[in-house]
Amino acid sequence: MLFQYPVALEQNEDGVIARFVDVPEAITFGDDEEHALHEAQDALVVALAMYIDDRQVIPSGSKPRRGQPMVCLNPLVAAKVALHNALIESKISNVRLASMMGLRENQIRRMLDLDHQSHIRPIEQGLRLLGYELIMHVSKVA
């Protein structure tokens, strides 16, 4: 799963509106395109946190149109989103995963909290217990 989301930018008389097709709850505004894209990162994470709170599957991003800007989740947030989706797909509760990992349920909630600075190792362990493998890919930027 790649968690890269295309952003639609719309100029108006007050600045630039940034919207996500895949996550319509994430909408923000900036003085110019650069500012709107910067704000879009935060708006996306806030919207995804709502999906987690509501226990809804988080979509991976769709393919962008040519030249369309993208917002990518940072690696820790992407891993947390993947764990959240794996829990839903596996129909396993936070309590059950905590038991499987020898942890308390509140530790699982912190692992899924997009604002919490979790360590990656327990998230990776949780994904593995649910049948997933966390693989990181690094590419040179043009």
Protein backbone atom coordinates (compact mmCIF):
# COMPACT_ATOMS: atom_id res chain seq x y z
CA MET A 1 0.00 0.00 0.00
CA LEU A 2 1.26 3.43 -0.87
CA PHE A 3 -0.14 6.28 1.12
CA GLN A 4 0.34 9.09 -1.38
CA TYR A 5 -2.63 11.32 -2.03
CA PRO A 6 -3.20 13.58 -5.05
CA VAL A 7 -4.19 17.14 -4.17
CA ALA A 8 -6.53 19.30 -6.23
CA LEU A 9 -5.59 22.97 -5.95
CA GLU A 10 -8.16 25.64 -6.74
CA GLN A 11 -7.27 29.31 -6.97
CA ASN A 12 -9.80 31.84 -5.76
CA GLU A 13 -9.69 35.55 -4.92
CA ASP A 14 -8.46 34.86 -1.36
CA GLY A 15 -5.77 32.27 -2.11
CA VAL A 16 -5.62 28.56 -2.88
CA ILE A 17 -7.93 25.78 -1.66
CA ALA A 18 -6.44 22.27 -1.37
CA ARG A 19 -8.75 19.24 -1.52
CA PHE A 20 -8.18 15.48 -1.56
CA VAL A 21 -10.35 13.35 -3.83
CA ASP A 22 -9.60 10.22 -1.78
CA VAL A 23 -10.21 11.91 1.59
CA PRO A 24 -12.93 14.54 1.08
CA GLU A 25 -12.86 15.47 4.78
CA ALA A 26 -9.35 16.89 4.26
CA ILE A 27 -9.69 20.39 2.91
CA THR A 28 -7.55 23.42 3.67
CA PHE A 29 -6.48 26.80 2.41
CA GLY A 30 -3.27 28.70 1.78
CA ASP A 31 -2.12 32.10 0.58
CA ASP A 32 -0.47 30.45 -2.43
CA GLU A 33 0.07 26.92 -3.81
CA GLU A 34 3.14 26.25 -1.67
CA HIS A 35 1.36 27.34 1.50
CA ALA A 36 -1.79 25.35 0.59
CA LEU A 37 0.30 22.19 0.02
CA HIS A 38 2.05 22.68 3.35
CA GLU A 39 -1.31 23.03 5.11
CA ALA A 40 -2.68 20.04 3.14
CA GLN A 41 -0.26 17.68 4.93
CA ASP A 42 -1.74 18.59 8.32
CA ALA A 43 -5.33 18.54 7.03
CA LEU A 44 -4.80 15.05 5.65
CA VAL A 45 -3.45 13.67 8.94
CA VAL A 46 -6.31 15.26 10.91
CA ALA A 47 -8.88 13.71 8.54
CA LEU A 48 -7.20 10.29 8.71
CA ALA A 49 -7.27 10.47 12.51
CA MET A 50 -11.05 10.86 12.23
CA TYR A 51 -11.19 7.68 10.12
CA ILE A 52 -9.25 5.87 12.85
CA ASP A 53 -11.56 7.23 15.57
CA ASP A 54 -14.58 6.06 13.56
CA ARG A 55 -12.90 2.71 12.77
CA GLN A 56 -13.26 3.25 9.01
CA VAL A 57 -10.87 1.84 6.42
CA ILE A 58 -8.40 4.48 5.26
CA PRO A 59 -8.01 4.55 1.48
CA SER A 60 -4.59 4.52 -0.09
CA GLY A 61 -4.24 7.33 -2.57
CA SER A 62 -5.45 7.16 -6.15
CA LYS A 63 -3.28 7.74 -9.19
CA PRO A 64 -2.73 11.47 -9.77
CA ARG A 65 -3.47 13.23 -13.02
CA ARG A 66 -0.40 14.32 -14.93
CA GLY A 67 1.35 17.13 -13.06
CA GLN A 68 -0.98 16.94 -10.07
CA PRO A 69 0.79 17.49 -6.74
CA MET A 70 0.91 14.68 -4.18
CA VAL A 71 1.01 14.62 -0.41
CA CYS A 72 2.77 11.61 1.10
CA LEU A 73 2.31 10.42 4.64
CA ASN A 74 5.47 10.31 6.69
CA PRO A 75 6.69 6.73 7.28
CA LEU A 76 5.49 6.48 10.89
CA VAL A 77 2.00 7.75 10.06
CA ALA A 78 1.83 5.42 7.04
CA ALA A 79 2.76 2.45 9.25
CA LYS A 80 0.07 3.41 11.79
CA VAL A 81 -2.52 3.72 9.00
CA ALA A 82 -1.48 0.31 7.66
CA LEU A 83 -1.87 -1.22 11.14
CA HIS A 84 -5.30 0.39 11.52
CA ASN A 85 -6.44 -1.00 8.15
CA ALA A 86 -4.99 -4.43 8.97
CA LEU A 87 -6.95 -4.53 12.24
CA ILE A 88 -10.18 -3.74 10.42
CA GLU A 89 -9.53 -6.23 7.62
CA SER A 90 -8.60 -8.94 10.13
CA LYS A 91 -11.66 -8.14 12.27
CA ILE A 92 -9.38 -8.08 15.31
CA SER A 93 -10.00 -5.60 18.13
CA ASN A 94 -7.39 -3.47 19.84
CA VAL A 95 -7.90 -5.60 22.95
CA ARG A 96 -7.22 -8.82 21.05
CA LEU A 97 -4.10 -7.41 19.38
CA ALA A 98 -2.86 -6.17 22.75
CA SER A 99 -3.30 -9.68 24.14
CA MET A 100 -1.46 -11.18 21.17
CA MET A 101 1.43 -8.74 21.71
CA GLY A 102 1.53 -8.95 25.51
CA LEU A 103 0.57 -5.30 25.82
CA ARG A 104 -2.25 -3.27 27.34
CA GLU A 105 -5.04 -1.95 25.09
CA ASN A 106 -4.06 1.68 25.75
CA GLN A 107 -0.64 0.92 24.24
CA ILE A 108 -2.36 -0.20 21.03
CA ARG A 109 -4.43 3.01 21.03
CA ARG A 110 -1.21 5.04 21.31
CA MET A 111 0.31 3.03 18.44
CA LEU A 112 -2.69 4.05 16.31
CA ASP A 113 -2.67 7.70 17.47
CA LEU A 114 -1.29 9.65 14.51
CA ASP A 115 -0.02 12.41 16.82
CA HIS A 116 1.81 10.08 19.21
CA GLN A 117 5.53 9.57 18.58
CA SER A 118 5.46 5.78 18.69
CA HIS A 119 8.37 3.48 18.04
CA ILE A 120 8.13 1.63 14.74
CA ARG A 121 9.11 -1.80 16.10
CA PRO A 122 5.80 -2.56 17.93
CA ILE A 123 3.83 -1.35 14.92
CA GLU A 124 5.87 -3.65 12.71
CA GLN A 125 5.31 -6.52 15.16
CA GLY A 126 1.55 -5.87 15.18
CA LEU A 127 1.44 -5.87 11.39
CA ARG A 128 3.38 -9.14 11.28
CA LEU A 129 0.97 -10.76 13.75
CA LEU A 130 -1.87 -9.71 11.45
CA GLY A 131 -0.16 -11.24 8.41
CA TYR A 132 1.51 -8.15 6.94
CA GLU A 133 5.09 -7.14 6.31
CA LEU A 134 6.30 -3.57 6.65
CA ILE A 135 8.71 -2.71 3.83
CA MET A 136 10.30 0.68 3.42
CA HIS A 137 11.25 2.01 0.00
CA VAL A 138 13.63 4.91 -0.57
CA SER A 139 13.82 6.71 -3.92
CA LYS A 140 16.05 9.49 -5.08
CA VAL A 141 14.11 12.69 -5.64
CA ALA A 142 14.64 14.38 -8.99
